[in-house]
Amino acid sequence: MNTRNKTVMVFMSSFFATLAHAQPAIFKEADYKLGEKLIAESKCVACHVSKVGGNGSAIYKPQGRINNASLLRGMVEQCNTELNLGMFPEDVTSVAAVLNRDHYKFK
């Protein structure tokens, strides 16, 4: 296989991987590994369980409250502020991106 064909294959592979994980522009710079780590360290699930019971997942997609990526990021910022978590703006974005990927799926 020549260099041009390899380049095309790498590009196509990257292109389709991007489509498979399409996220809103607001999450373009998100660090998903960091977001996952912060969710675990901040005990988000335990807090959600205390608020809604069960496994805490009922807190996601409350009827009519969060219907786009910006509102999702704003909700994470509200948790950050109310709970004094000390996350930087890029941390909040990373957490929101993980929540979007795993629960909300806004495009």
PDB file of N, CA and C in Angstrom:
ATOM      1  N   MET A   1       0.852  -1.167   0.000  1.00  0.00           N
ATOM      2  CA  MET A   1       0.000   0.000   0.000  1.00  0.00           C
ATOM      3  C   MET A   1       0.906   1.241   0.000  1.00  0.00           C
ATOM      4  N   ASN A   2       0.587   2.185  -0.884  1.00  0.00           N
ATOM      5  CA  ASN A   2       1.427   3.384  -0.962  1.00  0.00           C
ATOM      6  C   ASN A   2       1.046   4.401   0.122  1.00  0.00           C
ATOM      7  N   THR A   3       1.876   5.420   0.258  1.00  0.00           N
ATOM      8  CA  THR A   3       1.708   6.426   1.308  1.00  0.00           C
ATOM      9  C   THR A   3       0.381   7.158   1.177  1.00  0.00           C
ATOM     10  N   ARG A   4      -0.019   7.470  -0.040  1.00  0.00           N
ATOM     11  CA  ARG A   4      -1.281   8.180  -0.265  1.00  0.00           C
ATOM     12  C   ARG A   4      -2.457   7.346   0.219  1.00  0.00           C
ATOM     13  N   ASN A   5      -2.466   6.072  -0.096  1.00  0.00           N
ATOM     14  CA  ASN A   5      -3.552   5.199   0.344  1.00  0.00           C
ATOM     15  C   ASN A   5      -3.595   5.072   1.865  1.00  0.00           C
ATOM     16  N   LYS A   6      -2.425   5.006   2.482  1.00  0.00           N
ATOM     17  CA  LYS A   6      -2.366   4.930   3.940  1.00  0.00           C
ATOM     18  C   LYS A   6      -2.934   6.210   4.556  1.00  0.00           C
ATOM     19  N   THR A   7      -2.578   7.346   3.969  1.00  0.00           N
ATOM     20  CA  THR A   7      -3.061   8.634   4.458  1.00  0.00           C
ATOM     21  C   THR A   7      -4.582   8.702   4.356  1.00  0.00           C
ATOM     22  N   VAL A   8      -5.123   8.262   3.239  1.00  0.00           N
ATOM     23  CA  VAL A   8      -6.575   8.266   3.040  1.00  0.00           C
ATOM     24  C   VAL A   8      -7.244   7.347   4.060  1.00  0.00           C
ATOM     25  N   MET A   9      -6.669   6.187   4.296  1.00  0.00           N
ATOM     26  CA  MET A   9      -7.250   5.245   5.252  1.00  0.00           C
ATOM     27  C   MET A   9      -7.235   5.820   6.670  1.00  0.00           C
ATOM     28  N   VAL A  10      -6.149   6.456   7.050  1.00  0.00           N
ATOM     29  CA  VAL A  10      -6.062   7.070   8.381  1.00  0.00           C
ATOM     30  C   VAL A  10      -7.096   8.179   8.513  1.00  0.00           C
ATOM     31  N   PHE A  11      -7.215   9.011   7.481  1.00  0.00           N
ATOM     32  CA  PHE A  11      -8.204  10.091   7.497  1.00  0.00           C
ATOM     33  C   PHE A  11      -9.616   9.539   7.625  1.00  0.00           C
ATOM     34  N   MET A  12      -9.953   8.546   6.828  1.00  0.00           N
ATOM     35  CA  MET A  12     -11.299   7.969   6.844  1.00  0.00           C
ATOM     36  C   MET A  12     -11.599   7.332   8.200  1.00  0.00           C
ATOM     37  N   SER A  13     -10.633   6.655   8.753  1.00  0.00           N
ATOM     38  CA  SER A  13     -10.804   6.028  10.060  1.00  0.00           C
ATOM     39  C   SER A  13     -11.088   7.089  11.118  1.00  0.00           C
ATOM     40  N   SER A  14     -10.328   8.150  11.088  1.00  0.00           N
ATOM     41  CA  SER A  14     -10.515   9.253  12.029  1.00  0.00           C
ATOM     42  C   SER A  14     -11.876   9.922  11.815  1.00  0.00           C
ATOM     43  N   PHE A  15     -12.246  10.117  10.568  1.00  0.00           N
ATOM     44  CA  PHE A  15     -13.523  10.745  10.229  1.00  0.00           C
ATOM     45  C   PHE A  15     -14.693   9.945  10.782  1.00  0.00           C
ATOM     46  N   PHE A  16     -14.684   8.642  10.564  1.00  0.00           N
ATOM     47  CA  PHE A  16     -15.790   7.807  11.038  1.00  0.00           C
ATOM     48  C   PHE A  16     -15.789   7.683  12.560  1.00  0.00           C
ATOM     49  N   ALA A  17     -14.642   7.691  13.183  1.00  0.00           N
ATOM     50  CA  ALA A  17     -14.566   7.670  14.647  1.00  0.00           C
ATOM     51  C   ALA A  17     -15.172   8.944  15.217  1.00  0.00           C
ATOM     52  N   THR A  18     -14.916  10.057  14.556  1.00  0.00           N
ATOM     53  CA  THR A  18     -15.480  11.334  14.989  1.00  0.00           C
ATOM     54  C   THR A  18     -16.996  11.317  14.859  1.00  0.00           C
ATOM     55  N   LEU A  19     -17.508  10.797  13.765  1.00  0.00           N
ATOM     56  CA  LEU A  19     -18.953  10.717  13.584  1.00  0.00           C
ATOM     57  C   LEU A  19     -19.601   9.841  14.642  1.00  0.00           C
ATOM     58  N   ALA A  20     -18.946   8.759  14.985  1.00  0.00           N
ATOM     59  CA  ALA A  20     -19.502   7.826  15.963  1.00  0.00           C
ATOM     60  C   ALA A  20     -19.616   8.463  17.339  1.00  0.00           C
ATOM     61  N   HIS A  21     -18.756   9.427  17.635  1.00  0.00           N
ATOM     62  CA  HIS A  21     -18.762  10.075  18.941  1.00  0.00           C
ATOM     63  C   HIS A  21     -19.094  11.559  18.806  1.00  0.00           C
ATOM     64  N   ALA A  22     -19.974  11.898  17.870  1.00  0.00           N
ATOM     65  CA  ALA A  22     -20.308  13.294  17.625  1.00  0.00           C
ATOM     66  C   ALA A  22     -20.844  13.936  18.896  1.00  0.00           C
ATOM     67  N   GLN A  23     -20.297  15.084  19.217  1.00  0.00           N
ATOM     68  CA  GLN A  23     -20.699  15.833  20.395  1.00  0.00           C
ATOM     69  C   GLN A  23     -20.936  17.281  19.969  1.00  0.00           C
ATOM     70  N   PRO A  24     -21.735  18.008  20.720  1.00  0.00           N
ATOM     71  CA  PRO A  24     -21.931  19.425  20.415  1.00  0.00           C
ATOM     72  C   PRO A  24     -20.606  20.188  20.474  1.00  0.00           C
ATOM     73  N   ALA A  25     -20.545  21.289  19.763  1.00  0.00           N
ATOM     74  CA  ALA A  25     -19.326  22.103  19.695  1.00  0.00           C
ATOM     75  C   ALA A  25     -18.847  22.545  21.076  1.00  0.00           C
ATOM     76  N   ILE A  26     -19.764  22.751  22.003  1.00  0.00           N
ATOM     77  CA  ILE A  26     -19.391  23.200  23.348  1.00  0.00           C
ATOM     78  C   ILE A  26     -18.456  22.192  24.035  1.00  0.00           C
ATOM     79  N   PHE A  27     -18.492  20.935  23.606  1.00  0.00           N
ATOM     80  CA  PHE A  27     -17.668  19.897  24.211  1.00  0.00           C
ATOM     81  C   PHE A  27     -16.441  19.539  23.366  1.00  0.00           C
ATOM     82  N   LYS A  28     -16.148  20.354  22.376  1.00  0.00           N
ATOM     83  CA  LYS A  28     -15.048  20.066  21.449  1.00  0.00           C
ATOM     84  C   LYS A  28     -13.720  19.840  22.161  1.00  0.00           C
ATOM     85  N   GLU A  29     -13.410  20.632  23.160  1.00  0.00           N
ATOM     86  CA  GLU A  29     -12.120  20.545  23.851  1.00  0.00           C
ATOM     87  C   GLU A  29     -12.181  19.705  25.129  1.00  0.00           C
ATOM     88  N   ALA A  30     -13.286  19.016  25.344  1.00  0.00           N
ATOM     89  CA  ALA A  30     -13.472  18.265  26.592  1.00  0.00           C
ATOM     90  C   ALA A  30     -12.456  17.134  26.731  1.00  0.00           C
ATOM     91  N   ASP A  31     -12.041  16.920  27.956  1.00  0.00           N
ATOM     92  CA  ASP A  31     -11.137  15.821  28.313  1.00  0.00           C
ATOM     93  C   ASP A  31     -12.004  14.766  29.007  1.00  0.00           C
ATOM     94  N   TYR A  32     -12.365  13.726  28.275  1.00  0.00           N
ATOM     95  CA  TYR A  32     -13.302  12.727  28.773  1.00  0.00           C
ATOM     96  C   TYR A  32     -12.741  11.919  29.946  1.00  0.00           C
ATOM     97  N   LYS A  33     -11.474  11.617  29.902  1.00  0.00           N
ATOM     98  CA  LYS A  33     -10.845  10.879  31.012  1.00  0.00           C
ATOM     99  C   LYS A  33     -10.911  11.721  32.281  1.00  0.00           C
ATOM    100  N   LEU A  34     -10.612  13.008  32.163  1.00  0.00           N
ATOM    101  CA  LEU A  34     -10.692  13.916  33.299  1.00  0.00           C
ATOM    102  C   LEU A  34     -12.129  14.005  33.808  1.00  0.00           C
ATOM    103  N   GLY A  35     -13.084  14.133  32.899  1.00  0.00           N
ATOM    104  CA  GLY A  35     -14.488  14.205  33.296  1.00  0.00           C
ATOM    105  C   GLY A  35     -14.920  12.973  34.082  1.00  0.00           C
ATOM    106  N   GLU A  36     -14.527  11.803  33.603  1.00  0.00           N
ATOM    107  CA  GLU A  36     -14.859  10.555  34.303  1.00  0.00           C
ATOM    108  C   GLU A  36     -14.235  10.542  35.703  1.00  0.00           C
ATOM    109  N   LYS A  37     -12.987  10.979  35.788  1.00  0.00           N
ATOM    110  CA  LYS A  37     -12.277  11.021  37.072  1.00  0.00           C
ATOM    111  C   LYS A  37     -12.966  11.985  38.039  1.00  0.00           C
ATOM    112  N   LEU A  38     -13.328  13.163  37.544  1.00  0.00           N
ATOM    113  CA  LEU A  38     -13.975  14.163  38.397  1.00  0.00           C
ATOM    114  C   LEU A  38     -15.348  13.702  38.875  1.00  0.00           C
ATOM    115  N   ILE A  39     -16.075  13.012  38.030  1.00  0.00           N
ATOM    116  CA  ILE A  39     -17.384  12.479  38.434  1.00  0.00           C
ATOM    117  C   ILE A  39     -17.202  11.509  39.599  1.00  0.00           C
ATOM    118  N   ALA A  40     -16.202  10.649  39.506  1.00  0.00           N
ATOM    119  CA  ALA A  40     -15.942   9.684  40.579  1.00  0.00           C
ATOM    120  C   ALA A  40     -15.457  10.385  41.849  1.00  0.00           C
ATOM    121  N   GLU A  41     -14.513  11.283  41.703  1.00  0.00           N
ATOM    122  CA  GLU A  41     -13.932  11.971  42.868  1.00  0.00           C
ATOM    123  C   GLU A  41     -14.934  12.887  43.576  1.00  0.00           C
ATOM    124  N   SER A  42     -15.824  13.480  42.809  1.00  0.00           N
ATOM    125  CA  SER A  42     -16.786  14.426  43.373  1.00  0.00           C
ATOM    126  C   SER A  42     -18.004  13.726  43.970  1.00  0.00           C
ATOM    127  N   LYS A  43     -18.043  12.414  43.831  1.00  0.00           N
ATOM    128  CA  LYS A  43     -19.145  11.617  44.387  1.00  0.00           C
ATOM    129  C   LYS A  43     -20.503  12.059  43.847  1.00  0.00           C
ATOM    130  N   CYS A  44     -20.533  12.337  42.544  1.00  0.00           N
ATOM    131  CA  CYS A  44     -21.762  12.793  41.896  1.00  0.00           C
ATOM    132  C   CYS A  44     -22.891  11.775  42.050  1.00  0.00           C
ATOM    133  N   VAL A  45     -22.587  10.502  41.833  1.00  0.00           N
ATOM    134  CA  VAL A  45     -23.621   9.470  41.895  1.00  0.00           C
ATOM    135  C   VAL A  45     -24.220   9.404  43.300  1.00  0.00           C
ATOM    136  N   ALA A  46     -23.387   9.448  44.329  1.00  0.00           N
ATOM    137  CA  ALA A  46     -23.895   9.392  45.706  1.00  0.00           C
ATOM    138  C   ALA A  46     -24.819  10.581  45.991  1.00  0.00           C
ATOM    139  N   CYS A  47     -24.457  11.739  45.507  1.00  0.00           N
ATOM    140  CA  CYS A  47     -25.290  12.924  45.696  1.00  0.00           C
ATOM    141  C   CYS A  47     -26.625  12.749  44.979  1.00  0.00           C
ATOM    142  N   HIS A  48     -26.582  12.255  43.741  1.00  0.00           N
ATOM    143  CA  HIS A  48     -27.807  12.051  42.974  1.00  0.00           C
ATOM    144  C   HIS A  48     -28.702  11.015  43.640  1.00  0.00           C
ATOM    145  N   VAL A  49     -28.113   9.945  44.176  1.00  0.00           N
ATOM    146  CA  VAL A  49     -28.885   8.933  44.893  1.00  0.00           C
ATOM    147  C   VAL A  49     -29.591   9.565  46.087  1.00  0.00           C
ATOM    148  N   SER A  50     -28.881  10.431  46.807  1.00  0.00           N
ATOM    149  CA  SER A  50     -29.487  11.068  47.980  1.00  0.00           C
ATOM    150  C   SER A  50     -30.642  11.992  47.603  1.00  0.00           C
ATOM    151  N   LYS A  51     -30.600  12.534  46.390  1.00  0.00           N
ATOM    152  CA  LYS A  51     -31.646  13.458  45.945  1.00  0.00           C
ATOM    153  C   LYS A  51     -32.856  12.752  45.351  1.00  0.00           C
ATOM    154  N   VAL A  52     -32.626  11.674  44.554  1.00  0.00           N
ATOM    155  CA  VAL A  52     -33.741  11.041  43.831  1.00  0.00           C
ATOM    156  C   VAL A  52     -33.932   9.566  44.153  1.00  0.00           C
ATOM    157  N   GLY A  53     -33.023   8.982  44.936  1.00  0.00           N
ATOM    158  CA  GLY A  53     -33.156   7.576  45.295  1.00  0.00           C
ATOM    159  C   GLY A  53     -32.720   6.639  44.181  1.00  0.00           C
ATOM    160  N   GLY A  54     -32.964   5.367  44.402  1.00  0.00           N
ATOM    161  CA  GLY A  54     -32.584   4.346  43.418  1.00  0.00           C
ATOM    162  C   GLY A  54     -31.093   4.382  43.161  1.00  0.00           C
ATOM    163  N   ASN A  55     -30.733   4.299  41.885  1.00  0.00           N
ATOM    164  CA  ASN A  55     -29.314   4.351  41.523  1.00  0.00           C
ATOM    165  C   ASN A  55     -28.885   5.765  41.142  1.00  0.00           C
ATOM    166  N   GLY A  56     -29.765   6.735  41.302  1.00  0.00           N
ATOM    167  CA  GLY A  56     -29.451   8.130  41.018  1.00  0.00           C
ATOM    168  C   GLY A  56     -29.679   8.560  39.589  1.00  0.00           C
ATOM    169  N   SER A  57     -29.937   7.602  38.705  1.00  0.00           N
ATOM    170  CA  SER A  57     -30.051   7.944  37.283  1.00  0.00           C
ATOM    171  C   SER A  57     -31.324   8.724  36.957  1.00  0.00           C
ATOM    172  N   ALA A  58     -32.315   8.718  37.841  1.00  0.00           N
ATOM    173  CA  ALA A  58     -33.549   9.475  37.587  1.00  0.00           C
ATOM    174  C   ALA A  58     -33.286  10.978  37.534  1.00  0.00           C
ATOM    175  N   ILE A  59     -32.143  11.408  38.018  1.00  0.00           N
ATOM    176  CA  ILE A  59     -31.817  12.835  37.993  1.00  0.00           C
ATOM    177  C   ILE A  59     -31.501  13.311  36.570  1.00  0.00           C
ATOM    178  N   TYR A  60     -31.120  12.362  35.702  1.00  0.00           N
ATOM    179  CA  TYR A  60     -30.791  12.718  34.325  1.00  0.00           C
ATOM    180  C   TYR A  60     -32.064  12.907  33.518  1.00  0.00           C
ATOM    181  N   LYS A  61     -32.025  13.872  32.645  1.00  0.00           N
ATOM    182  CA  LYS A  61     -33.134  14.229  31.769  1.00  0.00           C
ATOM    183  C   LYS A  61     -34.430  14.519  32.527  1.00  0.00           C
ATOM    184  N   PRO A  62     -34.369  15.400  33.512  1.00  0.00           N
ATOM    185  CA  PRO A  62     -35.622  15.769  34.176  1.00  0.00           C
ATOM    186  C   PRO A  62     -36.555  16.416  33.163  1.00  0.00           C
ATOM    187  N   GLN A  63     -37.817  16.142  33.281  1.00  0.00           N
ATOM    188  CA  GLN A  63     -38.805  16.595  32.304  1.00  0.00           C
ATOM    189  C   GLN A  63     -38.714  18.094  32.045  1.00  0.00           C
ATOM    190  N   GLY A  64     -38.292  18.456  30.830  1.00  0.00           N
ATOM    191  CA  GLY A  64     -38.287  19.842  30.402  1.00  0.00           C
ATOM    192  C   GLY A  64     -37.194  20.734  30.969  1.00  0.00           C
ATOM    193  N   ARG A  65     -36.340  20.215  31.838  1.00  0.00           N
ATOM    194  CA  ARG A  65     -35.340  21.079  32.484  1.00  0.00           C
ATOM    195  C   ARG A  65     -34.082  21.253  31.661  1.00  0.00           C
ATOM    196  N   ILE A  66     -33.526  20.178  31.204  1.00  0.00           N
ATOM    197  CA  ILE A  66     -32.266  20.229  30.476  1.00  0.00           C
ATOM    198  C   ILE A  66     -32.515  19.657  29.081  1.00  0.00           C
ATOM    199  N   ASN A  67     -32.553  20.557  28.094  1.00  0.00           N
ATOM    200  CA  ASN A  67     -32.881  20.089  26.748  1.00  0.00           C
ATOM    201  C   ASN A  67     -31.850  20.497  25.691  1.00  0.00           C
ATOM    202  N   ASN A  68     -30.671  20.925  26.135  1.00  0.00           N
ATOM    203  CA  ASN A  68     -29.580  21.172  25.187  1.00  0.00           C
ATOM    204  C   ASN A  68     -28.245  21.137  25.941  1.00  0.00           C
ATOM    205  N   ALA A  69     -27.171  21.086  25.184  1.00  0.00           N
ATOM    206  CA  ALA A  69     -25.832  20.934  25.762  1.00  0.00           C
ATOM    207  C   ALA A  69     -25.444  22.107  26.657  1.00  0.00           C
ATOM    208  N   SER A  70     -25.842  23.306  26.305  1.00  0.00           N
ATOM    209  CA  SER A  70     -25.502  24.482  27.122  1.00  0.00           C
ATOM    210  C   SER A  70     -26.177  24.433  28.490  1.00  0.00           C
ATOM    211  N   LEU A  71     -27.427  24.002  28.507  1.00  0.00           N
ATOM    212  CA  LEU A  71     -28.122  23.875  29.786  1.00  0.00           C
ATOM    213  C   LEU A  71     -27.516  22.762  30.636  1.00  0.00           C
ATOM    214  N   LEU A  72     -27.079  21.700  29.993  1.00  0.00           N
ATOM    215  CA  LEU A  72     -26.408  20.618  30.717  1.00  0.00           C
ATOM    216  C   LEU A  72     -25.132  21.138  31.369  1.00  0.00           C
ATOM    217  N   ARG A  73     -24.317  21.859  30.604  1.00  0.00           N
ATOM    218  CA  ARG A  73     -23.090  22.414  31.158  1.00  0.00           C
ATOM    219  C   ARG A  73     -23.403  23.370  32.308  1.00  0.00           C
ATOM    220  N   GLY A  74     -24.460  24.160  32.151  1.00  0.00           N
ATOM    221  CA  GLY A  74     -24.879  25.075  33.206  1.00  0.00           C
ATOM    222  C   GLY A  74     -25.310  24.345  34.474  1.00  0.00           C
ATOM    223  N   MET A  75     -25.957  23.211  34.328  1.00  0.00           N
ATOM    224  CA  MET A  75     -26.367  22.431  35.490  1.00  0.00           C
ATOM    225  C   MET A  75     -25.152  21.892  36.228  1.00  0.00           C
ATOM    226  N   VAL A  76     -24.145  21.434  35.473  1.00  0.00           N
ATOM    227  CA  VAL A  76     -22.908  20.956  36.110  1.00  0.00           C
ATOM    228  C   VAL A  76     -22.221  22.116  36.828  1.00  0.00           C
ATOM    229  N   GLU A  77     -22.235  23.298  36.222  1.00  0.00           N
ATOM    230  CA  GLU A  77     -21.656  24.477  36.874  1.00  0.00           C
ATOM    231  C   GLU A  77     -22.414  24.810  38.150  1.00  0.00           C
ATOM    232  N   GLN A  78     -23.733  24.658  38.122  1.00  0.00           N
ATOM    233  CA  GLN A  78     -24.528  24.917  39.327  1.00  0.00           C
ATOM    234  C   GLN A  78     -24.138  23.944  40.445  1.00  0.00           C
ATOM    235  N   CYS A  79     -23.987  22.670  40.120  1.00  0.00           N
ATOM    236  CA  CYS A  79     -23.532  21.694  41.125  1.00  0.00           C
ATOM    237  C   CYS A  79     -22.150  22.087  41.654  1.00  0.00           C
ATOM    238  N   ASN A  80     -21.272  22.465  40.752  1.00  0.00           N
ATOM    239  CA  ASN A  80     -19.918  22.875  41.128  1.00  0.00           C
ATOM    240  C   ASN A  80     -19.962  24.026  42.135  1.00  0.00           C
ATOM    241  N   THR A  81     -20.809  25.007  41.861  1.00  0.00           N
ATOM    242  CA  THR A  81     -20.911  26.182  42.725  1.00  0.00           C
ATOM    243  C   THR A  81     -21.579  25.849  44.050  1.00  0.00           C
ATOM    244  N   GLU A  82     -22.738  25.188  43.992  1.00  0.00           N
ATOM    245  CA  GLU A  82     -23.493  24.876  45.208  1.00  0.00           C
ATOM    246  C   GLU A  82     -22.713  23.969  46.160  1.00  0.00           C
ATOM    247  N   LEU A  83     -21.966  23.033  45.596  1.00  0.00           N
ATOM    248  CA  LEU A  83     -21.240  22.065  46.423  1.00  0.00           C
ATOM    249  C   LEU A  83     -19.797  22.472  46.671  1.00  0.00           C
ATOM    250  N   ASN A  84     -19.421  23.648  46.141  1.00  0.00           N
ATOM    251  CA  ASN A  84     -18.070  24.167  46.319  1.00  0.00           C
ATOM    252  C   ASN A  84     -17.018  23.128  45.923  1.00  0.00           C
ATOM    253  N   LEU A  85     -17.185  22.569  44.728  1.00  0.00           N
ATOM    254  CA  LEU A  85     -16.292  21.514  44.255  1.00  0.00           C
ATOM    255  C   LEU A  85     -14.950  22.040  43.760  1.00  0.00           C
ATOM    256  N   GLY A  86     -14.889  23.317  43.425  1.00  0.00           N
ATOM    257  CA  GLY A  86     -13.622  23.918  43.001  1.00  0.00           C
ATOM    258  C   GLY A  86     -13.177  23.530  41.604  1.00  0.00           C
ATOM    259  N   MET A  87     -14.114  23.158  40.753  1.00  0.00           N
ATOM    260  CA  MET A  87     -13.754  22.807  39.373  1.00  0.00           C
ATOM    261  C   MET A  87     -13.520  24.072  38.562  1.00  0.00           C
ATOM    262  N   PHE A  88     -12.538  23.996  37.688  1.00  0.00           N
ATOM    263  CA  PHE A  88     -12.277  25.062  36.729  1.00  0.00           C
ATOM    264  C   PHE A  88     -13.274  24.928  35.581  1.00  0.00           C
ATOM    265  N   PRO A  89     -13.466  25.988  34.781  1.00  0.00           N
ATOM    266  CA  PRO A  89     -14.418  25.911  33.668  1.00  0.00           C
ATOM    267  C   PRO A  89     -14.177  24.718  32.733  1.00  0.00           C
ATOM    268  N   GLU A  90     -12.909  24.417  32.444  1.00  0.00           N
ATOM    269  CA  GLU A  90     -12.639  23.277  31.555  1.00  0.00           C
ATOM    270  C   GLU A  90     -12.982  21.947  32.226  1.00  0.00           C
ATOM    271  N   ASP A  91     -12.914  21.894  33.556  1.00  0.00           N
ATOM    272  CA  ASP A  91     -13.316  20.694  34.291  1.00  0.00           C
ATOM    273  C   ASP A  91     -14.826  20.493  34.167  1.00  0.00           C
ATOM    274  N   VAL A  92     -15.573  21.574  34.352  1.00  0.00           N
ATOM    275  CA  VAL A  92     -17.029  21.530  34.236  1.00  0.00           C
ATOM    276  C   VAL A  92     -17.426  21.056  32.843  1.00  0.00           C
ATOM    277  N   THR A  93     -16.761  21.577  31.838  1.00  0.00           N
ATOM    278  CA  THR A  93     -17.047  21.171  30.464  1.00  0.00           C
ATOM    279  C   THR A  93     -16.766  19.687  30.270  1.00  0.00           C
ATOM    280  N   SER A  94     -15.686  19.201  30.834  1.00  0.00           N
ATOM    281  CA  SER A  94     -15.338  17.780  30.693  1.00  0.00           C
ATOM    282  C   SER A  94     -16.366  16.886  31.376  1.00  0.00           C
ATOM    283  N   VAL A  95     -16.825  17.274  32.555  1.00  0.00           N
ATOM    284  CA  VAL A  95     -17.859  16.503  33.256  1.00  0.00           C
ATOM    285  C   VAL A  95     -19.148  16.510  32.437  1.00  0.00           C
ATOM    286  N   ALA A  96     -19.550  17.671  31.956  1.00  0.00           N
ATOM    287  CA  ALA A  96     -20.778  17.772  31.159  1.00  0.00           C
ATOM    288  C   ALA A  96     -20.674  16.945  29.880  1.00  0.00           C
ATOM    289  N   ALA A  97     -19.502  16.922  29.267  1.00  0.00           N
ATOM    290  CA  ALA A  97     -19.319  16.136  28.041  1.00  0.00           C
ATOM    291  C   ALA A  97     -19.512  14.652  28.314  1.00  0.00           C
ATOM    292  N   VAL A  98     -18.992  14.174  29.442  1.00  0.00           N
ATOM    293  CA  VAL A  98     -19.170  12.759  29.801  1.00  0.00           C
ATOM    294  C   VAL A  98     -20.650  12.470  30.047  1.00  0.00           C
ATOM    295  N   LEU A  99     -21.328  13.355  30.763  1.00  0.00           N
ATOM    296  CA  LEU A  99     -22.759  13.162  31.012  1.00  0.00           C
ATOM    297  C   LEU A  99     -23.545  13.163  29.707  1.00  0.00           C
ATOM    298  N   ASN A 100     -23.148  14.036  28.794  1.00  0.00           N
ATOM    299  CA  ASN A 100     -23.818  14.066  27.497  1.00  0.00           C
ATOM    300  C   ASN A 100     -23.588  12.761  26.748  1.00  0.00           C
ATOM    301  N   ARG A 101     -22.364  12.307  26.732  1.00  0.00           N
ATOM    302  CA  ARG A 101     -22.033  11.062  26.027  1.00  0.00           C
ATOM    303  C   ARG A 101     -22.799   9.873  26.615  1.00  0.00           C
ATOM    304  N   ASP A 102     -22.889   9.820  27.941  1.00  0.00           N
ATOM    305  CA  ASP A 102     -23.443   8.645  28.603  1.00  0.00           C
ATOM    306  C   ASP A 102     -24.949   8.698  28.843  1.00  0.00           C
ATOM    307  N   HIS A 103     -25.526   9.907  28.924  1.00  0.00           N
ATOM    308  CA  HIS A 103     -26.940  10.010  29.301  1.00  0.00           C
ATOM    309  C   HIS A 103     -27.789  10.851  28.357  1.00  0.00           C
ATOM    310  N   TYR A 104     -27.328  12.024  27.989  1.00  0.00           N
ATOM    311  CA  TYR A 104     -28.175  12.971  27.274  1.00  0.00           C
ATOM    312  C   TYR A 104     -28.144  12.831  25.756  1.00  0.00           C
ATOM    313  N   LYS A 105     -26.969  12.653  25.216  1.00  0.00           N
ATOM    314  CA  LYS A 105     -26.765  12.415  23.784  1.00  0.00           C
ATOM    315  C   LYS A 105     -27.229  13.581  22.891  1.00  0.00           C
ATOM    316  N   PHE A 106     -26.992  14.822  23.359  1.00  0.00           N
ATOM    317  CA  PHE A 106     -27.262  15.979  22.517  1.00  0.00           C
ATOM    318  C   PHE A 106     -26.260  16.009  21.379  1.00  0.00           C
ATOM    319  N   LYS A 107     -26.680  16.392  20.208  1.00  0.00           N
ATOM    320  CA  LYS A 107     -25.796  16.470  19.030  1.00  0.00           C
ATOM    321  C   LYS A 107     -25.443  17.898  18.726  1.00  0.00           C
TER     322      LYS A 107
END
